[in-house]
Amino acid sequence: RLQARAVTKFGEFADEMLFTPDGLEQASR
């Protein structure tokens, strides 16, 4: 679920990254 949300911030790189909900929200796009 987080990888799907992360596409708006990280594009195709999101598929190879791991996240936390707060970490994704706070991360620089």
PDB file of all heavy atoms in Angstrom:
ATOM      1  N   ARG A   1       0.835  -1.208   0.000  1.00  0.00           N
ATOM      2  CA  ARG A   1       0.000   0.000   0.000  1.00  0.00           C
ATOM      3  C   ARG A   1       0.869   1.258   0.000  1.00  0.00           C
ATOM      4  O   ARG A   1       0.613   2.217  -0.744  1.00  0.00           O
ATOM      5  CB  ARG A   1      -0.906  -0.006   1.235  1.00  0.00           C
ATOM      6  CG  ARG A   1      -1.689   1.288   1.448  1.00  0.00           C
ATOM      7  CD  ARG A   1      -2.661   1.159   2.601  1.00  0.00           C
ATOM      8  NE  ARG A   1      -2.001   0.765   3.835  1.00  0.00           N
ATOM      9  CZ  ARG A   1      -1.408   1.625   4.660  1.00  0.00           C
ATOM     10  NH1 ARG A   1      -1.393   2.921   4.388  1.00  0.00           N
ATOM     11  NH2 ARG A   1      -0.842   1.202   5.773  1.00  0.00           N
ATOM     12  N   LEU A   2       1.928   1.272   0.821  1.00  0.00           N
ATOM     13  CA  LEU A   2       2.791   2.449   0.901  1.00  0.00           C
ATOM     14  C   LEU A   2       3.549   2.685  -0.403  1.00  0.00           C
ATOM     15  O   LEU A   2       3.736   3.832  -0.827  1.00  0.00           O
ATOM     16  CB  LEU A   2       3.769   2.306   2.071  1.00  0.00           C
ATOM     17  CG  LEU A   2       3.140   2.350   3.464  1.00  0.00           C
ATOM     18  CD1 LEU A   2       4.196   2.059   4.528  1.00  0.00           C
ATOM     19  CD2 LEU A   2       2.478   3.690   3.720  1.00  0.00           C
ATOM     20  N   GLN A   3       3.991   1.617  -1.047  1.00  0.00           N
ATOM     21  CA  GLN A   3       4.677   1.779  -2.333  1.00  0.00           C
ATOM     22  C   GLN A   3       3.755   2.401  -3.373  1.00  0.00           C
ATOM     23  O   GLN A   3       4.181   3.237  -4.173  1.00  0.00           O
ATOM     24  CB  GLN A   3       5.207   0.428  -2.814  1.00  0.00           C
ATOM     25  CG  GLN A   3       6.447  -0.047  -2.064  1.00  0.00           C
ATOM     26  CD  GLN A   3       6.962  -1.378  -2.588  1.00  0.00           C
ATOM     27  OE1 GLN A   3       6.237  -2.140  -3.221  1.00  0.00           O
ATOM     28  NE2 GLN A   3       8.226  -1.659  -2.332  1.00  0.00           N
ATOM     29  N   ALA A   4       2.486   1.999  -3.355  1.00  0.00           N
ATOM     30  CA  ALA A   4       1.530   2.578  -4.306  1.00  0.00           C
ATOM     31  C   ALA A   4       1.353   4.073  -4.035  1.00  0.00           C
ATOM     32  O   ALA A   4       1.300   4.891  -4.956  1.00  0.00           O
ATOM     33  CB  ALA A   4       0.192   1.843  -4.209  1.00  0.00           C
ATOM     34  N   ARG A   5       1.263   4.447  -2.750  1.00  0.00           N
ATOM     35  CA  ARG A   5       1.136   5.859  -2.392  1.00  0.00           C
ATOM     36  C   ARG A   5       2.401   6.631  -2.734  1.00  0.00           C
ATOM     37  O   ARG A   5       2.350   7.815  -3.099  1.00  0.00           O
ATOM     38  CB  ARG A   5       0.854   5.993  -0.889  1.00  0.00           C
ATOM     39  CG  ARG A   5      -0.567   5.677  -0.471  1.00  0.00           C
ATOM     40  CD  ARG A   5      -0.715   5.718   1.036  1.00  0.00           C
ATOM     41  NE  ARG A   5      -0.088   6.909   1.611  1.00  0.00           N
ATOM     42  CZ  ARG A   5       0.200   7.046   2.905  1.00  0.00           C
ATOM     43  NH1 ARG A   5      -0.067   6.060   3.742  1.00  0.00           N
ATOM     44  NH2 ARG A   5       0.743   8.152   3.359  1.00  0.00           N
ATOM     45  N   ALA A   6       3.546   5.986  -2.602  1.00  0.00           N
ATOM     46  CA  ALA A   6       4.831   6.671  -2.770  1.00  0.00           C
ATOM     47  C   ALA A   6       5.130   7.037  -4.210  1.00  0.00           C
ATOM     48  O   ALA A   6       6.028   7.847  -4.465  1.00  0.00           O
ATOM     49  CB  ALA A   6       5.957   5.799  -2.226  1.00  0.00           C
ATOM     50  N   VAL A   7       4.400   6.469  -5.160  1.00  0.00           N
ATOM     51  CA  VAL A   7       4.669   6.762  -6.573  1.00  0.00           C
ATOM     52  C   VAL A   7       4.536   8.249  -6.854  1.00  0.00           C
ATOM     53  O   VAL A   7       5.280   8.823  -7.662  1.00  0.00           O
ATOM     54  CB  VAL A   7       3.727   5.939  -7.479  1.00  0.00           C
ATOM     55  CG1 VAL A   7       3.814   6.403  -8.927  1.00  0.00           C
ATOM     56  CG2 VAL A   7       4.074   4.452  -7.383  1.00  0.00           C
ATOM     57  N   THR A   8       3.600   8.926  -6.170  1.00  0.00           N
ATOM     58  CA  THR A   8       3.430  10.361  -6.411  1.00  0.00           C
ATOM     59  C   THR A   8       4.648  11.155  -5.973  1.00  0.00           C
ATOM     60  O   THR A   8       4.894  12.246  -6.492  1.00  0.00           O
ATOM     61  CB  THR A   8       2.189  10.891  -5.673  1.00  0.00           C
ATOM     62  OG1 THR A   8       2.337  10.646  -4.263  1.00  0.00           O
ATOM     63  CG2 THR A   8       0.928  10.214  -6.168  1.00  0.00           C
ATOM     64  N   LYS A   9       5.411  10.633  -5.013  1.00  0.00           N
ATOM     65  CA  LYS A   9       6.616  11.328  -4.538  1.00  0.00           C
ATOM     66  C   LYS A   9       7.882  10.851  -5.226  1.00  0.00           C
ATOM     67  O   LYS A   9       8.789  11.637  -5.498  1.00  0.00           O
ATOM     68  CB  LYS A   9       6.781  11.132  -3.027  1.00  0.00           C
ATOM     69  CG  LYS A   9       6.067  12.144  -2.166  1.00  0.00           C
ATOM     70  CD  LYS A   9       6.566  12.086  -0.735  1.00  0.00           C
ATOM     71  CE  LYS A   9       5.958  13.224   0.088  1.00  0.00           C
ATOM     72  NZ  LYS A   9       6.498  13.251   1.459  1.00  0.00           N
ATOM     73  N   PHE A  10       7.968   9.548  -5.496  1.00  0.00           N
ATOM     74  CA  PHE A  10       9.224   8.968  -5.950  1.00  0.00           C
ATOM     75  C   PHE A  10       9.160   8.316  -7.328  1.00  0.00           C
ATOM     76  O   PHE A  10      10.166   7.778  -7.797  1.00  0.00           O
ATOM     77  CB  PHE A  10       9.717   7.931  -4.931  1.00  0.00           C
ATOM     78  CG  PHE A  10       9.980   8.511  -3.571  1.00  0.00           C
ATOM     79  CD1 PHE A  10       9.094   8.308  -2.535  1.00  0.00           C
ATOM     80  CD2 PHE A  10      11.102   9.280  -3.334  1.00  0.00           C
ATOM     81  CE1 PHE A  10       9.319   8.848  -1.284  1.00  0.00           C
ATOM     82  CE2 PHE A  10      11.343   9.824  -2.085  1.00  0.00           C
ATOM     83  CZ  PHE A  10      10.446   9.606  -1.060  1.00  0.00           C
ATOM     84  N   GLY A  11       8.008   8.335  -7.975  1.00  0.00           N
ATOM     85  CA  GLY A  11       7.910   7.751  -9.300  1.00  0.00           C
ATOM     86  C   GLY A  11       8.269   6.279  -9.293  1.00  0.00           C
ATOM     87  O   GLY A  11       7.938   5.530  -8.370  1.00  0.00           O
ATOM     88  N   GLU A  12       8.996   5.866 -10.318  1.00  0.00           N
ATOM     89  CA  GLU A  12       9.332   4.441 -10.479  1.00  0.00           C
ATOM     90  C   GLU A  12      10.273   3.936  -9.392  1.00  0.00           C
ATOM     91  O   GLU A  12      10.370   2.732  -9.155  1.00  0.00           O
ATOM     92  CB  GLU A  12       9.965   4.218 -11.852  1.00  0.00           C
ATOM     93  CG  GLU A  12      11.255   4.978 -12.067  1.00  0.00           C
ATOM     94  CD  GLU A  12      11.798   4.831 -13.474  1.00  0.00           C
ATOM     95  OE1 GLU A  12      11.040   4.399 -14.354  1.00  0.00           O
ATOM     96  OE2 GLU A  12      12.978   5.161 -13.684  1.00  0.00           O
ATOM     97  N   PHE A  13      10.982   4.840  -8.691  1.00  0.00           N
ATOM     98  CA  PHE A  13      11.900   4.415  -7.629  1.00  0.00           C
ATOM     99  C   PHE A  13      11.147   3.822  -6.445  1.00  0.00           C
ATOM    100  O   PHE A  13      11.718   3.093  -5.642  1.00  0.00           O
ATOM    101  CB  PHE A  13      12.752   5.600  -7.159  1.00  0.00           C
ATOM    102  CG  PHE A  13      13.647   6.161  -8.223  1.00  0.00           C
ATOM    103  CD1 PHE A  13      13.293   7.308  -8.898  1.00  0.00           C
ATOM    104  CD2 PHE A  13      14.835   5.530  -8.560  1.00  0.00           C
ATOM    105  CE1 PHE A  13      14.106   7.827  -9.895  1.00  0.00           C
ATOM    106  CE2 PHE A  13      15.654   6.041  -9.550  1.00  0.00           C
ATOM    107  CZ  PHE A  13      15.291   7.190 -10.229  1.00  0.00           C
ATOM    108  N   ALA A  14       9.859   4.150  -6.300  1.00  0.00           N
ATOM    109  CA  ALA A  14       9.073   3.676  -5.153  1.00  0.00           C
ATOM    110  C   ALA A  14       9.027   2.157  -5.088  1.00  0.00           C
ATOM    111  O   ALA A  14       8.978   1.578  -3.999  1.00  0.00           O
ATOM    112  CB  ALA A  14       7.653   4.240  -5.218  1.00  0.00           C
ATOM    113  N   ASP A  15       9.060   1.492  -6.231  1.00  0.00           N
ATOM    114  CA  ASP A  15       8.935   0.031  -6.260  1.00  0.00           C
ATOM    115  C   ASP A  15      10.105  -0.676  -5.589  1.00  0.00           C
ATOM    116  O   ASP A  15       9.978  -1.834  -5.189  1.00  0.00           O
ATOM    117  CB  ASP A  15       8.809  -0.469  -7.704  1.00  0.00           C
ATOM    118  CG  ASP A  15       7.495  -0.056  -8.343  1.00  0.00           C
ATOM    119  OD1 ASP A  15       6.557   0.271  -7.591  1.00  0.00           O
ATOM    120  OD2 ASP A  15       7.406  -0.051  -9.584  1.00  0.00           O
ATOM    121  N   GLU A  16      11.241  -0.006  -5.466  1.00  0.00           N
ATOM    122  CA  GLU A  16      12.425  -0.644  -4.887  1.00  0.00           C
ATOM    123  C   GLU A  16      12.741  -0.115  -3.494  1.00  0.00           C
ATOM    124  O   GLU A  16      13.780  -0.452  -2.921  1.00  0.00           O
ATOM    125  CB  GLU A  16      13.645  -0.430  -5.799  1.00  0.00           C
ATOM    126  CG  GLU A  16      13.502  -1.079  -7.172  1.00  0.00           C
ATOM    127  CD  GLU A  16      13.345  -2.584  -7.075  1.00  0.00           C
ATOM    128  OE1 GLU A  16      14.017  -3.210  -6.229  1.00  0.00           O
ATOM    129  OE2 GLU A  16      12.524  -3.141  -7.845  1.00  0.00           O
ATOM    130  N   MET A  17      11.855   0.713  -2.940  1.00  0.00           N
ATOM    131  CA  MET A  17      12.101   1.296  -1.628  1.00  0.00           C
ATOM    132  C   MET A  17      11.146   0.715  -0.591  1.00  0.00           C
ATOM    133  O   MET A  17      10.112   0.147  -0.919  1.00  0.00           O
ATOM    134  CB  MET A  17      11.916   2.825  -1.688  1.00  0.00           C
ATOM    135  CG  MET A  17      12.883   3.520  -2.633  1.00  0.00           C
ATOM    136  SD  MET A  17      12.557   5.312  -2.786  1.00  0.00           S
ATOM    137  CE  MET A  17      13.031   5.902  -1.149  1.00  0.00           C
ATOM    138  N   LEU A  18      11.532   0.859   0.673  1.00  0.00           N
ATOM    139  CA  LEU A  18      10.666   0.505   1.790  1.00  0.00           C
ATOM    140  C   LEU A  18      10.281   1.799   2.515  1.00  0.00           C
ATOM    141  O   LEU A  18      11.013   2.795   2.467  1.00  0.00           O
ATOM    142  CB  LEU A  18      11.369  -0.458   2.749  1.00  0.00           C
ATOM    143  CG  LEU A  18      11.749  -1.828   2.175  1.00  0.00           C
ATOM    144  CD1 LEU A  18      12.448  -2.675   3.240  1.00  0.00           C
ATOM    145  CD2 LEU A  18      10.527  -2.568   1.625  1.00  0.00           C
ATOM    146  N   PHE A  19       9.149   1.752   3.234  1.00  0.00           N
ATOM    147  CA  PHE A  19       8.622   2.972   3.839  1.00  0.00           C
ATOM    148  C   PHE A  19       8.010   2.690   5.202  1.00  0.00           C
ATOM    149  O   PHE A  19       7.708   1.545   5.545  1.00  0.00           O
ATOM    150  CB  PHE A  19       7.528   3.582   2.938  1.00  0.00           C
ATOM    151  CG  PHE A  19       7.984   3.888   1.546  1.00  0.00           C
ATOM    152  CD1 PHE A  19       7.754   2.977   0.509  1.00  0.00           C
ATOM    153  CD2 PHE A  19       8.656   5.058   1.257  1.00  0.00           C
ATOM    154  CE1 PHE A  19       8.183   3.248  -0.782  1.00  0.00           C
ATOM    155  CE2 PHE A  19       9.089   5.342  -0.023  1.00  0.00           C
ATOM    156  CZ  PHE A  19       8.851   4.433  -1.046  1.00  0.00           C
ATOM    157  N   THR A  20       7.804   3.751   5.959  1.00  0.00           N
ATOM    158  CA  THR A  20       6.870   3.778   7.085  1.00  0.00           C
ATOM    159  C   THR A  20       5.847   4.860   6.744  1.00  0.00           C
ATOM    160  O   THR A  20       6.151   5.764   5.963  1.00  0.00           O
ATOM    161  CB  THR A  20       7.554   4.129   8.415  1.00  0.00           C
ATOM    162  OG1 THR A  20       8.017   5.487   8.362  1.00  0.00           O
ATOM    163  CG2 THR A  20       8.729   3.196   8.703  1.00  0.00           C
ATOM    164  N   PRO A  21       4.646   4.796   7.297  1.00  0.00           N
ATOM    165  CA  PRO A  21       3.654   5.837   6.979  1.00  0.00           C
ATOM    166  C   PRO A  21       4.154   7.245   7.298  1.00  0.00           C
ATOM    167  O   PRO A  21       4.048   8.157   6.471  1.00  0.00           O
ATOM    168  CB  PRO A  21       2.448   5.450   7.837  1.00  0.00           C
ATOM    169  CG  PRO A  21       2.581   3.980   8.025  1.00  0.00           C
ATOM    170  CD  PRO A  21       4.055   3.723   8.127  1.00  0.00           C
ATOM    171  N   ASP A  22       4.698   7.425   8.510  1.00  0.00           N
ATOM    172  CA  ASP A  22       5.191   8.753   8.870  1.00  0.00           C
ATOM    173  C   ASP A  22       6.416   9.128   8.046  1.00  0.00           C
ATOM    174  O   ASP A  22       6.579  10.279   7.643  1.00  0.00           O
ATOM    175  CB  ASP A  22       5.530   8.815  10.359  1.00  0.00           C
ATOM    176  CG  ASP A  22       4.291   8.794  11.237  1.00  0.00           C
ATOM    177  OD1 ASP A  22       3.258   9.334  10.803  1.00  0.00           O
ATOM    178  OD2 ASP A  22       4.359   8.244  12.352  1.00  0.00           O
ATOM    179  N   GLY A  23       7.278   8.143   7.791  1.00  0.00           N
ATOM    180  CA  GLY A  23       8.474   8.422   6.996  1.00  0.00           C
ATOM    181  C   GLY A  23       8.134   8.866   5.590  1.00  0.00           C
ATOM    182  O   GLY A  23       8.750   9.784   5.041  1.00  0.00           O
ATOM    183  N   LEU A  24       7.122   8.236   4.991  1.00  0.00           N
ATOM    184  CA  LEU A  24       6.698   8.621   3.641  1.00  0.00           C
ATOM    185  C   LEU A  24       6.109  10.022   3.649  1.00  0.00           C
ATOM    186  O   LEU A  24       6.387  10.837   2.765  1.00  0.00           O
ATOM    187  CB  LEU A  24       5.676   7.617   3.114  1.00  0.00           C
ATOM    188  CG  LEU A  24       5.042   7.939   1.759  1.00  0.00           C
ATOM    189  CD1 LEU A  24       6.103   8.115   0.685  1.00  0.00           C
ATOM    190  CD2 LEU A  24       4.046   6.842   1.367  1.00  0.00           C
ATOM    191  N   GLU A  25       5.304  10.332   4.659  1.00  0.00           N
ATOM    192  CA  GLU A  25       4.682  11.652   4.734  1.00  0.00           C
ATOM    193  C   GLU A  25       5.737  12.745   4.895  1.00  0.00           C
ATOM    194  O   GLU A  25       5.638  13.814   4.299  1.00  0.00           O
ATOM    195  CB  GLU A  25       3.702  11.713   5.909  1.00  0.00           C
ATOM    196  CG  GLU A  25       2.987  13.054   6.035  1.00  0.00           C
ATOM    197  CD  GLU A  25       2.046  13.101   7.216  1.00  0.00           C
ATOM    198  OE1 GLU A  25       1.767  12.046   7.804  1.00  0.00           O
ATOM    199  OE2 GLU A  25       1.600  14.214   7.562  1.00  0.00           O
ATOM    200  N   GLN A  26       6.771  12.490   5.688  1.00  0.00           N
ATOM    201  CA  GLN A  26       7.772  13.500   5.998  1.00  0.00           C
ATOM    202  C   GLN A  26       8.878  13.594   4.948  1.00  0.00           C
ATOM    203  O   GLN A  26       9.584  14.605   4.892  1.00  0.00           O
ATOM    204  CB  GLN A  26       8.405  13.192   7.357  1.00  0.00           C
ATOM    205  CG  GLN A  26       7.429  13.222   8.517  1.00  0.00           C
ATOM    206  CD  GLN A  26       7.994  12.596   9.775  1.00  0.00           C
ATOM    207  OE1 GLN A  26       9.184  12.670  10.040  1.00  0.00           O
ATOM    208  NE2 GLN A  26       7.134  11.952  10.558  1.00  0.00           N
ATOM    209  N   ALA A  27       9.052  12.569   4.138  1.00  0.00           N
ATOM    210  CA  ALA A  27      10.180  12.521   3.209  1.00  0.00           C
ATOM    211  C   ALA A  27      10.086  13.604   2.146  1.00  0.00           C
ATOM    212  O   ALA A  27       9.002  13.945   1.663  1.00  0.00           O
ATOM    213  CB  ALA A  27      10.242  11.141   2.542  1.00  0.00           C
ATOM    214  N   SER A  28      11.247  14.121   1.753  1.00  0.00           N
ATOM    215  CA  SER A  28      11.306  15.062   0.633  1.00  0.00           C
ATOM    216  C   SER A  28      10.901  14.327  -0.637  1.00  0.00           C
ATOM    217  O   SER A  28      11.387  13.230  -0.909  1.00  0.00           O
ATOM    218  CB  SER A  28      12.727  15.605   0.466  1.00  0.00           C
ATOM    219  OG  SER A  28      13.158  16.269   1.625  1.00  0.00           O
ATOM    220  N   ARG A  29       9.996  14.920  -1.429  1.00  0.00           N
ATOM    221  CA  ARG A  29       9.645  14.302  -2.692  1.00  0.00           C
ATOM    222  C   ARG A  29      10.863  14.362  -3.622  1.00  0.00           C
ATOM    223  O   ARG A  29      11.793  15.147  -3.406  1.00  0.00           O
ATOM    224  CB  ARG A  29       8.414  14.929  -3.303  1.00  0.00           C
ATOM    225  CG  ARG A  29       8.494  16.383  -3.642  1.00  0.00           C
ATOM    226  CD  ARG A  29       7.172  16.879  -4.236  1.00  0.00           C
ATOM    227  NE  ARG A  29       6.787  16.098  -5.390  1.00  0.00           N
ATOM    228  CZ  ARG A  29       5.633  15.426  -5.505  1.00  0.00           C
ATOM    229  NH1 ARG A  29       4.750  15.469  -4.549  1.00  0.00           N
ATOM    230  NH2 ARG A  29       5.354  14.741  -6.595  1.00  0.00           N
TER     231      ARG A  29
END
